[in-house]
PDB file of all heavy atoms in Angstrom:
ATOM      1  N   PRO A   1      -5.169   8.889  11.081  1.00  0.00           N
ATOM      2  CA  PRO A   1      -5.363   7.408  11.024  1.00  0.00           C
ATOM      3  C   PRO A   1      -4.428   6.760  10.087  1.00  0.00           C
ATOM      4  O   PRO A   1      -4.075   7.324   9.025  1.00  0.00           O
ATOM      5  CB  PRO A   1      -6.877   7.342  10.497  1.00  0.00           C
ATOM      6  CG  PRO A   1      -7.310   8.718  10.377  1.00  0.00           C
ATOM      7  CD  PRO A   1      -6.212   9.594  10.641  1.00  0.00           C
ATOM      8  N   ARG A   2      -3.971   5.541  10.401  1.00  0.00           N
ATOM      9  CA  ARG A   2      -3.099   4.738   9.511  1.00  0.00           C
ATOM     10  C   ARG A   2      -3.571   3.258   9.693  1.00  0.00           C
ATOM     11  O   ARG A   2      -4.141   2.818  10.582  1.00  0.00           O
ATOM     12  CB  ARG A   2      -1.657   4.929   9.977  1.00  0.00           C
ATOM     13  CG  ARG A   2      -1.231   6.272  10.025  1.00  0.00           C
ATOM     14  CD  ARG A   2       0.346   6.419  10.297  1.00  0.00           C
ATOM     15  NE  ARG A   2       0.904   5.472  11.090  1.00  0.00           N
ATOM     16  CZ  ARG A   2       2.023   5.762  11.678  1.00  0.00           C
ATOM     17  NH1 ARG A   2       2.587   6.893  11.671  1.00  0.00           N
ATOM     18  NH2 ARG A   2       2.616   4.766  12.425  1.00  0.00           N
ATOM     19  N   THR A   3      -3.059   2.468   8.653  1.00  0.00           N
ATOM     20  CA  THR A   3      -3.179   1.010   8.733  1.00  0.00           C
ATOM     21  C   THR A   3      -1.912   0.470   9.320  1.00  0.00           C
ATOM     22  O   THR A   3      -0.990   1.231   9.578  1.00  0.00           O
ATOM     23  CB  THR A   3      -3.491   0.473   7.219  1.00  0.00           C
ATOM     24  OG1 THR A   3      -2.342   0.727   6.523  1.00  0.00           O
ATOM     25  CG2 THR A   3      -4.683   0.981   6.667  1.00  0.00           C
ATOM     26  N   THR A   4      -1.744  -0.809   9.340  1.00  0.00           N
ATOM     27  CA  THR A   4      -0.627  -1.438   9.882  1.00  0.00           C
ATOM     28  C   THR A   4       0.344  -2.033   8.872  1.00  0.00           C
ATOM     29  O   THR A   4       1.197  -2.824   9.114  1.00  0.00           O
ATOM     30  CB  THR A   4      -1.039  -2.455  10.969  1.00  0.00           C
ATOM     31  OG1 THR A   4      -1.838  -3.523  10.343  1.00  0.00           O
ATOM     32  CG2 THR A   4      -1.600  -1.852  12.100  1.00  0.00           C
ATOM     33  N   ASP A   5      -0.049  -1.802   7.536  1.00  0.00           N
ATOM     34  CA  ASP A   5       0.686  -2.361   6.425  1.00  0.00           C
ATOM     35  C   ASP A   5       2.144  -1.917   6.475  1.00  0.00           C
ATOM     36  O   ASP A   5       2.527  -0.771   6.656  1.00  0.00           O
ATOM     37  CB  ASP A   5       0.091  -1.816   5.156  1.00  0.00           C
ATOM     38  CG  ASP A   5       0.411  -2.677   3.933  1.00  0.00           C
ATOM     39  OD1 ASP A   5       1.596  -3.254   3.916  1.00  0.00           O
ATOM     40  OD2 ASP A   5      -0.290  -2.807   3.070  1.00  0.00           O
ATOM     41  N   THR A   6       3.102  -2.970   6.376  1.00  0.00           N
ATOM     42  CA  THR A   6       4.464  -2.706   6.401  1.00  0.00           C
ATOM     43  C   THR A   6       5.229  -3.185   5.031  1.00  0.00           C
ATOM     44  O   THR A   6       6.330  -3.497   5.158  1.00  0.00           O
ATOM     45  CB  THR A   6       5.120  -3.410   7.530  1.00  0.00           C
ATOM     46  OG1 THR A   6       4.859  -4.814   7.438  1.00  0.00           O
ATOM     47  CG2 THR A   6       4.549  -2.949   8.916  1.00  0.00           C
ATOM     48  N   ARG A   7       4.538  -3.114   3.999  1.00  0.00           N
ATOM     49  CA  ARG A   7       5.067  -3.599   2.747  1.00  0.00           C
ATOM     50  C   ARG A   7       5.818  -2.588   1.968  1.00  0.00           C
ATOM     51  O   ARG A   7       6.080  -2.814   0.853  1.00  0.00           O
ATOM     52  CB  ARG A   7       4.014  -4.247   1.830  1.00  0.00           C
ATOM     53  CG  ARG A   7       3.329  -5.497   2.471  1.00  0.00           C
ATOM     54  CD  ARG A   7       2.284  -6.117   1.599  1.00  0.00           C
ATOM     55  NE  ARG A   7       1.121  -5.199   1.665  1.00  0.00           N
ATOM     56  CZ  ARG A   7       0.106  -5.405   0.892  1.00  0.00           C
ATOM     57  NH1 ARG A   7      -0.044  -6.430   0.052  1.00  0.00           N
ATOM     58  NH2 ARG A   7      -0.999  -4.606   0.954  1.00  0.00           N
ATOM     59  N   HIS A   8       6.189  -1.467   2.474  1.00  0.00           N
ATOM     60  CA  HIS A   8       6.916  -0.438   1.851  1.00  0.00           C
ATOM     61  C   HIS A   8       7.915   0.287   2.750  1.00  0.00           C
ATOM     62  O   HIS A   8       7.706   0.266   3.924  1.00  0.00           O
ATOM     63  CB  HIS A   8       5.973   0.566   1.307  1.00  0.00           C
ATOM     64  CG  HIS A   8       6.554   1.471   0.139  1.00  0.00           C
ATOM     65  ND1 HIS A   8       7.361   2.563   0.490  1.00  0.00           N
ATOM     66  CD2 HIS A   8       6.446   1.393  -1.155  1.00  0.00           C
ATOM     67  CE1 HIS A   8       7.692   3.098  -0.639  1.00  0.00           C
ATOM     68  NE2 HIS A   8       7.128   2.399  -1.639  1.00  0.00           N
ATOM     69  N   ASP A   9       9.079   0.809   2.313  1.00  0.00           N
ATOM     70  CA  ASP A   9      10.015   1.400   3.072  1.00  0.00           C
ATOM     71  C   ASP A   9       9.515   2.693   3.677  1.00  0.00           C
ATOM     72  O   ASP A   9       9.913   3.002   4.814  1.00  0.00           O
ATOM     73  CB  ASP A   9      11.220   1.705   2.325  1.00  0.00           C
ATOM     74  CG  ASP A   9      11.964   0.450   1.865  1.00  0.00           C
ATOM     75  OD1 ASP A   9      11.785  -0.626   2.496  1.00  0.00           O
ATOM     76  OD2 ASP A   9      12.857   0.502   1.011  1.00  0.00           O
ATOM     77  N   PHE A  10       8.695   3.416   3.003  1.00  0.00           N
ATOM     78  CA  PHE A  10       8.088   4.624   3.628  1.00  0.00           C
ATOM     79  C   PHE A  10       6.743   4.337   4.331  1.00  0.00           C
ATOM     80  O   PHE A  10       5.629   4.715   3.819  1.00  0.00           O
ATOM     81  CB  PHE A  10       7.769   5.644   2.376  1.00  0.00           C
ATOM     82  CG  PHE A  10       8.968   6.098   1.736  1.00  0.00           C
ATOM     83  CD1 PHE A  10       9.272   5.621   0.424  1.00  0.00           C
ATOM     84  CD2 PHE A  10      10.002   6.919   2.353  1.00  0.00           C
ATOM     85  CE1 PHE A  10      10.464   6.001  -0.186  1.00  0.00           C
ATOM     86  CE2 PHE A  10      11.159   7.370   1.641  1.00  0.00           C
ATOM     87  CZ  PHE A  10      11.312   6.928   0.416  1.00  0.00           C
ATOM     88  N   ARG A  11       6.871   3.664   5.413  1.00  0.00           N
ATOM     89  CA  ARG A  11       5.798   3.058   6.036  1.00  0.00           C
ATOM     90  C   ARG A  11       4.719   4.206   6.529  1.00  0.00           C
ATOM     91  O   ARG A  11       3.493   3.960   6.291  1.00  0.00           O
ATOM     92  CB  ARG A  11       6.168   2.280   7.294  1.00  0.00           C
ATOM     93  CG  ARG A  11       6.757   0.919   6.809  1.00  0.00           C
ATOM     94  CD  ARG A  11       7.121  -0.093   7.985  1.00  0.00           C
ATOM     95  NE  ARG A  11       7.667  -1.264   7.404  1.00  0.00           N
ATOM     96  CZ  ARG A  11       8.999  -1.455   7.332  1.00  0.00           C
ATOM     97  NH1 ARG A  11       9.762  -0.496   7.685  1.00  0.00           N
ATOM     98  NH2 ARG A  11       9.400  -2.566   6.846  1.00  0.00           N
ATOM     99  N   GLN A  12       5.083   5.100   7.135  1.00  0.00           N
ATOM    100  CA  GLN A  12       4.148   6.183   7.694  1.00  0.00           C
ATOM    101  C   GLN A  12       3.379   6.781   6.516  1.00  0.00           C
ATOM    102  O   GLN A  12       2.160   6.866   6.693  1.00  0.00           O
ATOM    103  CB  GLN A  12       4.827   7.303   8.449  1.00  0.00           C
ATOM    104  CG  GLN A  12       5.348   6.882   9.787  1.00  0.00           C
ATOM    105  CD  GLN A  12       6.016   8.030  10.649  1.00  0.00           C
ATOM    106  OE1 GLN A  12       6.542   8.953  10.015  1.00  0.00           O
ATOM    107  NE2 GLN A  12       6.097   7.811  11.908  1.00  0.00           N
ATOM    108  N   TRP A  13       3.988   7.107   5.435  1.00  0.00           N
ATOM    109  CA  TRP A  13       3.374   7.701   4.291  1.00  0.00           C
ATOM    110  C   TRP A  13       2.427   6.664   3.703  1.00  0.00           C
ATOM    111  O   TRP A  13       1.222   6.949   3.522  1.00  0.00           O
ATOM    112  CB  TRP A  13       4.448   8.077   3.250  1.00  0.00           C
ATOM    113  CG  TRP A  13       3.943   8.722   2.139  1.00  0.00           C
ATOM    114  CD1 TRP A  13       3.581  10.046   1.945  1.00  0.00           C
ATOM    115  CD2 TRP A  13       3.824   8.183   0.786  1.00  0.00           C
ATOM    116  NE1 TRP A  13       3.276  10.315   0.660  1.00  0.00           N
ATOM    117  CE2 TRP A  13       3.300   9.212   0.000  1.00  0.00           C
ATOM    118  CE3 TRP A  13       4.035   6.941   0.273  1.00  0.00           C
ATOM    119  CZ2 TRP A  13       3.086   8.975  -1.373  1.00  0.00           C
ATOM    120  CZ3 TRP A  13       3.710   6.761  -1.066  1.00  0.00           C
ATOM    121  CH2 TRP A  13       3.243   7.717  -1.904  1.00  0.00           C
ATOM    122  N   THR A  14       2.821   5.433   3.485  1.00  0.00           N
ATOM    123  CA  THR A  14       1.950   4.468   2.864  1.00  0.00           C
ATOM    124  C   THR A  14       0.863   4.017   3.781  1.00  0.00           C
ATOM    125  O   THR A  14      -0.270   3.777   3.219  1.00  0.00           O
ATOM    126  CB  THR A  14       2.724   3.280   2.269  1.00  0.00           C
ATOM    127  OG1 THR A  14       3.433   2.624   3.301  1.00  0.00           O
ATOM    128  CG2 THR A  14       3.653   3.669   1.144  1.00  0.00           C
ATOM    129  N   GLN A  15       1.077   3.945   4.933  1.00  0.00           N
ATOM    130  CA  GLN A  15       0.023   3.538   5.936  1.00  0.00           C
ATOM    131  C   GLN A  15      -1.027   4.617   5.937  1.00  0.00           C
ATOM    132  O   GLN A  15      -2.279   4.250   6.007  1.00  0.00           O
ATOM    133  CB  GLN A  15       0.665   3.352   7.361  1.00  0.00           C
ATOM    134  CG  GLN A  15       1.361   2.085   7.463  1.00  0.00           C
ATOM    135  CD  GLN A  15       2.195   2.009   8.748  1.00  0.00           C
ATOM    136  OE1 GLN A  15       2.326   3.006   9.513  1.00  0.00           O
ATOM    137  NE2 GLN A  15       2.694   0.752   9.032  1.00  0.00           N
ATOM    138  N   SER A  16      -0.676   5.848   5.916  1.00  0.00           N
ATOM    139  CA  SER A  16      -1.703   7.007   5.989  1.00  0.00           C
ATOM    140  C   SER A  16      -2.526   6.841   4.649  1.00  0.00           C
ATOM    141  O   SER A  16      -3.738   6.946   4.563  1.00  0.00           O
ATOM    142  CB  SER A  16      -1.121   8.252   5.938  1.00  0.00           C
ATOM    143  OG  SER A  16      -0.434   8.412   7.338  1.00  0.00           O
ATOM    144  N   LEU A  17      -1.841   6.753   3.508  1.00  0.00           N
ATOM    145  CA  LEU A  17      -2.545   6.600   2.191  1.00  0.00           C
ATOM    146  C   LEU A  17      -3.278   5.406   2.101  1.00  0.00           C
ATOM    147  O   LEU A  17      -4.476   5.386   1.555  1.00  0.00           O
ATOM    148  CB  LEU A  17      -1.459   6.774   1.075  1.00  0.00           C
ATOM    149  CG  LEU A  17      -0.911   8.136   0.831  1.00  0.00           C
ATOM    150  CD1 LEU A  17       0.151   8.075  -0.282  1.00  0.00           C
ATOM    151  CD2 LEU A  17      -1.964   9.172   0.445  1.00  0.00           C
ATOM    152  N   ASP A  18      -2.850   4.374   2.648  1.00  0.00           N
ATOM    153  CA  ASP A  18      -3.625   3.127   2.620  1.00  0.00           C
ATOM    154  C   ASP A  18      -4.870   3.197   3.450  1.00  0.00           C
ATOM    155  O   ASP A  18      -6.013   2.748   2.963  1.00  0.00           O
ATOM    156  CB  ASP A  18      -2.731   1.942   3.245  1.00  0.00           C
ATOM    157  CG  ASP A  18      -3.243   0.573   2.966  1.00  0.00           C
ATOM    158  OD1 ASP A  18      -3.898   0.261   2.041  1.00  0.00           O
ATOM    159  OD2 ASP A  18      -3.180  -0.326   3.930  1.00  0.00           O
ATOM    160  N   TRP A  19      -4.892   3.915   4.528  1.00  0.00           N
ATOM    161  CA  TRP A  19      -6.198   4.117   5.265  1.00  0.00           C
ATOM    162  C   TRP A  19      -7.067   4.960   4.575  1.00  0.00           C
ATOM    163  O   TRP A  19      -8.282   4.651   4.502  1.00  0.00           O
ATOM    164  CB  TRP A  19      -5.772   4.904   6.673  1.00  0.00           C
ATOM    165  CG  TRP A  19      -6.952   4.972   7.549  1.00  0.00           C
ATOM    166  CD1 TRP A  19      -7.480   4.080   8.355  1.00  0.00           C
ATOM    167  CD2 TRP A  19      -7.992   6.039   7.450  1.00  0.00           C
ATOM    168  NE1 TRP A  19      -8.657   4.528   8.895  1.00  0.00           N
ATOM    169  CE2 TRP A  19      -8.962   5.795   8.283  1.00  0.00           C
ATOM    170  CE3 TRP A  19      -8.017   7.345   6.717  1.00  0.00           C
ATOM    171  CZ2 TRP A  19     -10.111   6.687   8.463  1.00  0.00           C
ATOM    172  CZ3 TRP A  19      -9.054   8.019   6.840  1.00  0.00           C
ATOM    173  CH2 TRP A  19     -10.112   7.798   7.811  1.00  0.00           C
ATOM    174  N   ILE A  20      -6.559   5.943   3.844  1.00  0.00           N
ATOM    175  CA  ILE A  20      -7.495   6.770   2.995  1.00  0.00           C
ATOM    176  C   ILE A  20      -8.054   5.947   1.895  1.00  0.00           C
ATOM    177  O   ILE A  20      -9.406   6.058   1.581  1.00  0.00           O
ATOM    178  CB  ILE A  20      -6.689   7.976   2.382  1.00  0.00           C
ATOM    179  CG1 ILE A  20      -6.272   9.032   3.468  1.00  0.00           C
ATOM    180  CG2 ILE A  20      -7.604   8.689   1.304  1.00  0.00           C
ATOM    181  CD1 ILE A  20      -5.279  10.003   3.040  1.00  0.00           C
ATOM    182  N   VAL A  21      -7.308   5.149   1.140  1.00  0.00           N
ATOM    183  CA  VAL A  21      -7.785   4.336   0.066  1.00  0.00           C
ATOM    184  C   VAL A  21      -8.845   3.325   0.532  1.00  0.00           C
ATOM    185  O   VAL A  21      -9.958   3.191  -0.144  1.00  0.00           O
ATOM    186  CB  VAL A  21      -6.628   3.614  -0.578  1.00  0.00           C
ATOM    187  CG1 VAL A  21      -7.015   2.457  -1.445  1.00  0.00           C
ATOM    188  CG2 VAL A  21      -5.745   4.578  -1.474  1.00  0.00           C
ATOM    189  N   GLN A  22      -8.536   2.700   1.725  1.00  0.00           N
ATOM    190  CA  GLN A  22      -9.506   1.652   2.231  1.00  0.00           C
ATOM    191  C   GLN A  22     -10.670   2.311   2.997  1.00  0.00           C
ATOM    192  O   GLN A  22     -11.887   1.904   2.801  1.00  0.00           O
ATOM    193  CB  GLN A  22      -8.796   0.665   3.117  1.00  0.00           C
ATOM    194  CG  GLN A  22      -7.783  -0.167   2.417  1.00  0.00           C
ATOM    195  CD  GLN A  22      -7.071  -1.160   3.376  1.00  0.00           C
ATOM    196  OE1 GLN A  22      -7.854  -2.030   4.007  1.00  0.00           O
ATOM    197  NE2 GLN A  22      -5.767  -1.041   3.495  1.00  0.00           N
ATOM    198  N   GLY A  23     -10.401   3.253   3.894  1.00  0.00           N
ATOM    199  CA  GLY A  23     -11.324   3.821   4.734  1.00  0.00           C
ATOM    200  C   GLY A  23     -12.301   4.796   4.123  1.00  0.00           C
ATOM    201  O   GLY A  23     -13.524   4.783   4.402  1.00  0.00           O
ATOM    202  N   ILE A  24     -11.898   5.577   3.175  1.00  0.00           N
ATOM    203  CA  ILE A  24     -12.749   6.513   2.472  1.00  0.00           C
ATOM    204  C   ILE A  24     -13.318   6.083   1.238  1.00  0.00           C
ATOM    205  O   ILE A  24     -14.534   6.191   0.907  1.00  0.00           O
ATOM    206  CB  ILE A  24     -11.987   7.827   2.356  1.00  0.00           C
ATOM    207  CG1 ILE A  24     -11.637   8.483   3.654  1.00  0.00           C
ATOM    208  CG2 ILE A  24     -12.857   8.951   1.507  1.00  0.00           C
ATOM    209  CD1 ILE A  24     -10.777   9.706   3.634  1.00  0.00           C
ATOM    210  N   PHE A  25     -12.426   5.477   0.428  1.00  0.00           N
ATOM    211  CA  PHE A  25     -12.888   5.070  -0.992  1.00  0.00           C
ATOM    212  C   PHE A  25     -13.377   3.593  -1.050  1.00  0.00           C
ATOM    213  O   PHE A  25     -13.747   3.170  -2.087  1.00  0.00           O
ATOM    214  CB  PHE A  25     -11.707   5.298  -1.970  1.00  0.00           C
ATOM    215  CG  PHE A  25     -11.430   6.797  -2.100  1.00  0.00           C
ATOM    216  CD1 PHE A  25     -10.243   7.225  -1.657  1.00  0.00           C
ATOM    217  CD2 PHE A  25     -12.346   7.642  -2.618  1.00  0.00           C
ATOM    218  CE1 PHE A  25      -9.765   8.539  -1.741  1.00  0.00           C
ATOM    219  CE2 PHE A  25     -11.945   9.006  -2.694  1.00  0.00           C
ATOM    220  CZ  PHE A  25     -10.702   9.467  -2.261  1.00  0.00           C
ATOM    221  N   ASP A  26     -13.266   2.770   0.060  1.00  0.00           N
ATOM    222  CA  ASP A  26     -13.677   1.387   0.034  1.00  0.00           C
ATOM    223  C   ASP A  26     -12.938   0.641  -1.036  1.00  0.00           C
ATOM    224  O   ASP A  26     -13.577  -0.206  -1.691  1.00  0.00           O
ATOM    225  CB  ASP A  26     -15.164   1.270  -0.044  1.00  0.00           C
ATOM    226  CG  ASP A  26     -15.856   1.735   1.166  1.00  0.00           C
ATOM    227  OD1 ASP A  26     -15.330   1.475   2.364  1.00  0.00           O
ATOM    228  OD2 ASP A  26     -16.894   2.319   1.112  1.00  0.00           O
ATOM    229  N   LEU A  27     -11.670   0.838  -1.296  1.00  0.00           N
ATOM    230  CA  LEU A  27     -10.841   0.127  -2.265  1.00  0.00           C
ATOM    231  C   LEU A  27     -10.027  -0.846  -1.503  1.00  0.00           C
ATOM    232  O   LEU A  27      -9.823  -0.811  -0.298  1.00  0.00           O
ATOM    233  CB  LEU A  27     -10.072   1.117  -3.085  1.00  0.00           C
ATOM    234  CG  LEU A  27     -10.899   2.139  -4.010  1.00  0.00           C
ATOM    235  CD1 LEU A  27     -10.000   3.161  -4.591  1.00  0.00           C
ATOM    236  CD2 LEU A  27     -11.571   1.373  -5.079  1.00  0.00           C
ATOM    237  N   PRO A  28      -9.360  -1.755  -2.368  1.00  0.00           N
ATOM    238  CA  PRO A  28      -8.465  -2.678  -1.732  1.00  0.00           C
ATOM    239  C   PRO A  28      -7.214  -2.113  -1.302  1.00  0.00           C
ATOM    240  O   PRO A  28      -6.910  -0.872  -1.504  1.00  0.00           O
ATOM    241  CB  PRO A  28      -8.176  -3.771  -2.812  1.00  0.00           C
ATOM    242  CG  PRO A  28      -8.708  -3.182  -4.040  1.00  0.00           C
ATOM    243  CD  PRO A  28      -9.692  -2.028  -3.814  1.00  0.00           C
ATOM    244  N   PRO A  29      -6.521  -2.760  -0.382  1.00  0.00           N
ATOM    245  CA  PRO A  29      -5.205  -2.050   0.116  1.00  0.00           C
ATOM    246  C   PRO A  29      -4.358  -1.574  -0.846  1.00  0.00           C
ATOM    247  O   PRO A  29      -4.245  -2.063  -2.098  1.00  0.00           O
ATOM    248  CB  PRO A  29      -4.457  -3.287   0.807  1.00  0.00           C
ATOM    249  CG  PRO A  29      -5.587  -4.158   1.263  1.00  0.00           C
ATOM    250  CD  PRO A  29      -6.637  -4.050   0.146  1.00  0.00           C
ATOM    251  N   LEU A  30      -3.720  -0.409  -0.594  1.00  0.00           N
ATOM    252  CA  LEU A  30      -2.930   0.285  -1.606  1.00  0.00           C
ATOM    253  C   LEU A  30      -1.726  -0.465  -2.209  1.00  0.00           C
ATOM    254  O   LEU A  30      -1.473  -0.394  -3.388  1.00  0.00           O
ATOM    255  CB  LEU A  30      -2.363   1.467  -0.869  1.00  0.00           C
ATOM    256  CG  LEU A  30      -1.514   2.478  -1.708  1.00  0.00           C
ATOM    257  CD1 LEU A  30      -2.314   3.194  -2.745  1.00  0.00           C
ATOM    258  CD2 LEU A  30      -0.834   3.568  -0.707  1.00  0.00           C
ATOM    259  N   LEU A  31      -1.112  -1.246  -1.418  1.00  0.00           N
ATOM    260  CA  LEU A  31       0.037  -1.993  -1.909  1.00  0.00           C
ATOM    261  C   LEU A  31      -0.176  -3.396  -2.290  1.00  0.00           C
ATOM    262  O   LEU A  31       0.662  -4.113  -2.682  1.00  0.00           O
ATOM    263  CB  LEU A  31       1.131  -1.973  -0.814  1.00  0.00           C
ATOM    264  CG  LEU A  31       1.723  -0.715  -0.441  1.00  0.00           C
ATOM    265  CD1 LEU A  31       2.724  -0.784   0.666  1.00  0.00           C
ATOM    266  CD2 LEU A  31       2.414  -0.084  -1.716  1.00  0.00           C
ATOM    267  N   ASP A  32      -1.439  -3.815  -2.576  1.00  0.00           N
ATOM    268  CA  ASP A  32      -1.783  -5.077  -3.187  1.00  0.00           C
ATOM    269  C   ASP A  32      -1.126  -5.132  -4.478  1.00  0.00           C
ATOM    270  O   ASP A  32      -1.403  -4.299  -5.374  1.00  0.00           O
ATOM    271  CB  ASP A  32      -3.316  -5.352  -3.189  1.00  0.00           C
ATOM    272  CG  ASP A  32      -3.850  -5.874  -1.901  1.00  0.00           C
ATOM    273  OD1 ASP A  32      -3.017  -5.943  -0.899  1.00  0.00           O
ATOM    274  OD2 ASP A  32      -4.993  -6.230  -1.807  1.00  0.00           O
ATOM    275  N   GLY A  33      -0.467  -6.195  -4.828  1.00  0.00           N
ATOM    276  CA  GLY A  33       0.288  -6.358  -6.142  1.00  0.00           C
ATOM    277  C   GLY A  33       1.533  -5.590  -6.325  1.00  0.00           C
ATOM    278  O   GLY A  33       2.232  -5.637  -7.290  1.00  0.00           O
ATOM    279  N   HIS A  34       1.922  -4.786  -5.288  1.00  0.00           N
ATOM    280  CA  HIS A  34       3.207  -4.056  -5.372  1.00  0.00           C
ATOM    281  C   HIS A  34       4.495  -4.927  -5.570  1.00  0.00           C
ATOM    282  O   HIS A  34       5.319  -4.684  -6.390  1.00  0.00           O
ATOM    283  CB  HIS A  34       3.377  -3.227  -4.118  1.00  0.00           C
ATOM    284  CG  HIS A  34       4.662  -2.337  -4.111  1.00  0.00           C
ATOM    285  ND1 HIS A  34       4.787  -1.282  -4.969  1.00  0.00           N
ATOM    286  CD2 HIS A  34       5.671  -2.437  -3.269  1.00  0.00           C
ATOM    287  CE1 HIS A  34       5.954  -0.827  -4.674  1.00  0.00           C
ATOM    288  NE2 HIS A  34       6.514  -1.429  -3.676  1.00  0.00           N
ATOM    289  N   ARG A  35       4.563  -5.950  -4.768  1.00  0.00           N
ATOM    290  CA  ARG A  35       5.753  -6.856  -4.840  1.00  0.00           C
ATOM    291  C   ARG A  35       5.715  -7.522  -6.259  1.00  0.00           C
ATOM    292  O   ARG A  35       6.844  -7.750  -6.866  1.00  0.00           O
ATOM    293  CB  ARG A  35       5.775  -7.864  -3.770  1.00  0.00           C
ATOM    294  CG  ARG A  35       5.971  -7.510  -2.390  1.00  0.00           C
ATOM    295  CD  ARG A  35       7.348  -7.060  -2.130  1.00  0.00           C
ATOM    296  NE  ARG A  35       7.375  -6.547  -0.778  1.00  0.00           N
ATOM    297  CZ  ARG A  35       8.192  -5.484  -0.466  1.00  0.00           C
ATOM    298  NH1 ARG A  35       8.854  -4.921  -1.307  1.00  0.00           N
ATOM    299  NH2 ARG A  35       8.219  -5.247   0.815  1.00  0.00           N
ATOM    300  N   GLU A  36       4.604  -7.935  -6.675  1.00  0.00           N
ATOM    301  CA  GLU A  36       4.554  -8.557  -8.112  1.00  0.00           C
ATOM    302  C   GLU A  36       5.028  -7.590  -9.200  1.00  0.00           C
ATOM    303  O   GLU A  36       5.718  -7.911 -10.124  1.00  0.00           O
ATOM    304  CB  GLU A  36       3.214  -9.065  -8.433  1.00  0.00           C
ATOM    305  CG  GLU A  36       2.611 -10.225  -7.559  1.00  0.00           C
ATOM    306  CD  GLU A  36       2.171  -9.753  -6.222  1.00  0.00           C
ATOM    307  OE1 GLU A  36       2.059  -8.577  -5.904  1.00  0.00           O
ATOM    308  OE2 GLU A  36       2.022 -10.589  -5.407  1.00  0.00           O
ATOM    309  N   GLU A  37       4.585  -6.282  -9.105  1.00  0.00           N
ATOM    310  CA  GLU A  37       5.025  -5.228  -9.894  1.00  0.00           C
ATOM    311  C   GLU A  37       6.576  -5.066  -9.938  1.00  0.00           C
ATOM    312  O   GLU A  37       7.206  -4.949 -11.013  1.00  0.00           O
ATOM    313  CB  GLU A  37       4.410  -3.931  -9.758  1.00  0.00           C
ATOM    314  CG  GLU A  37       2.974  -3.855 -10.291  1.00  0.00           C
ATOM    315  CD  GLU A  37       2.913  -3.948 -11.766  1.00  0.00           C
ATOM    316  OE1 GLU A  37       3.663  -3.227 -12.481  1.00  0.00           O
ATOM    317  OE2 GLU A  37       2.219  -4.704 -12.344  1.00  0.00           O
ATOM    318  N   GLN A  38       7.128  -5.019  -8.657  1.00  0.00           N
ATOM    319  CA  GLN A  38       8.611  -4.935  -8.561  1.00  0.00           C
ATOM    320  C   GLN A  38       9.266  -6.108  -9.251  1.00  0.00           C
ATOM    321  O   GLN A  38      10.263  -5.904  -9.965  1.00  0.00           O
ATOM    322  CB  GLN A  38       8.947  -4.890  -7.173  1.00  0.00           C
ATOM    323  CG  GLN A  38       8.712  -3.645  -6.456  1.00  0.00           C
ATOM    324  CD  GLN A  38       9.120  -3.767  -5.011  1.00  0.00           C
ATOM    325  OE1 GLN A  38       8.851  -4.641  -4.236  1.00  0.00           O
ATOM    326  NE2 GLN A  38       9.593  -2.646  -4.437  1.00  0.00           N
ATOM    327  N   ALA A  39       8.770  -7.363  -9.077  1.00  0.00           N
ATOM    328  CA  ALA A  39       9.384  -8.487  -9.698  1.00  0.00           C
ATOM    329  C   ALA A  39       9.309  -8.468 -11.132  1.00  0.00           C
ATOM    330  O   ALA A  39      10.295  -8.750 -11.914  1.00  0.00           O
ATOM    331  CB  ALA A  39       8.672  -9.775  -9.149  1.00  0.00           C
ATOM    332  N   ARG A  40       8.090  -8.059 -11.745  1.00  0.00           N
ATOM    333  CA  ARG A  40       7.978  -7.897 -13.169  1.00  0.00           C
ATOM    334  C   ARG A  40       8.900  -6.917 -13.801  1.00  0.00           C
ATOM    335  O   ARG A  40       9.559  -7.099 -14.770  1.00  0.00           O
ATOM    336  CB  ARG A  40       6.539  -7.582 -13.477  1.00  0.00           C
ATOM    337  CG  ARG A  40       6.280  -7.601 -15.041  1.00  0.00           C
ATOM    338  CD  ARG A  40       4.840  -7.192 -15.220  1.00  0.00           C
ATOM    339  NE  ARG A  40       4.505  -5.810 -14.879  1.00  0.00           N
ATOM    340  CZ  ARG A  40       4.828  -4.701 -15.350  1.00  0.00           C
ATOM    341  NH1 ARG A  40       5.692  -4.635 -16.356  1.00  0.00           N
ATOM    342  NH2 ARG A  40       4.530  -3.551 -14.851  1.00  0.00           N
ATOM    343  N   THR A  41       9.137  -5.724 -13.081  1.00  0.00           N
ATOM    344  CA  THR A  41       9.835  -4.697 -13.792  1.00  0.00           C
ATOM    345  C   THR A  41      11.256  -4.988 -13.713  1.00  0.00           C
ATOM    346  O   THR A  41      12.122  -4.531 -14.408  1.00  0.00           O
ATOM    347  CB  THR A  41       9.567  -3.340 -13.156  1.00  0.00           C
ATOM    348  OG1 THR A  41       9.812  -3.381 -11.653  1.00  0.00           O
ATOM    349  CG2 THR A  41       8.221  -2.845 -13.416  1.00  0.00           C
ATOM    350  N   ALA A  42      11.767  -5.808 -12.731  1.00  0.00           N
ATOM    351  CA  ALA A  42      13.110  -6.232 -12.583  1.00  0.00           C
ATOM    352  C   ALA A  42      13.472  -7.459 -13.483  1.00  0.00           C
ATOM    353  O   ALA A  42      14.582  -7.775 -13.633  1.00  0.00           O
ATOM    354  CB  ALA A  42      13.367  -6.617 -11.175  1.00  0.00           C
ATOM    355  N   ASN A  43      12.538  -8.023 -14.149  1.00  0.00           N
ATOM    356  CA  ASN A  43      12.674  -9.299 -14.956  1.00  0.00           C
ATOM    357  C   ASN A  43      12.261  -8.993 -16.322  1.00  0.00           C
ATOM    358  O   ASN A  43      11.022  -8.933 -16.694  1.00  0.00           O
ATOM    359  CB  ASN A  43      11.934 -10.483 -14.303  1.00  0.00           C
ATOM    360  CG  ASN A  43      12.125 -11.698 -15.050  1.00  0.00           C
ATOM    361  OD1 ASN A  43      12.614 -11.739 -16.214  1.00  0.00           O
ATOM    362  ND2 ASN A  43      11.898 -12.792 -14.390  1.00  0.00           N
TER     363      ASN A  43
END
């Protein structure tokens, strides 16, 4: 099982992990806040 999230270059890997995080642990999507973190670390 996978989600359809496309916010990372390693899509298959992150989609599988995103499904685990959301489907099994009932947590928010894996990559929520990822772009903000990238912007912060680059600035």
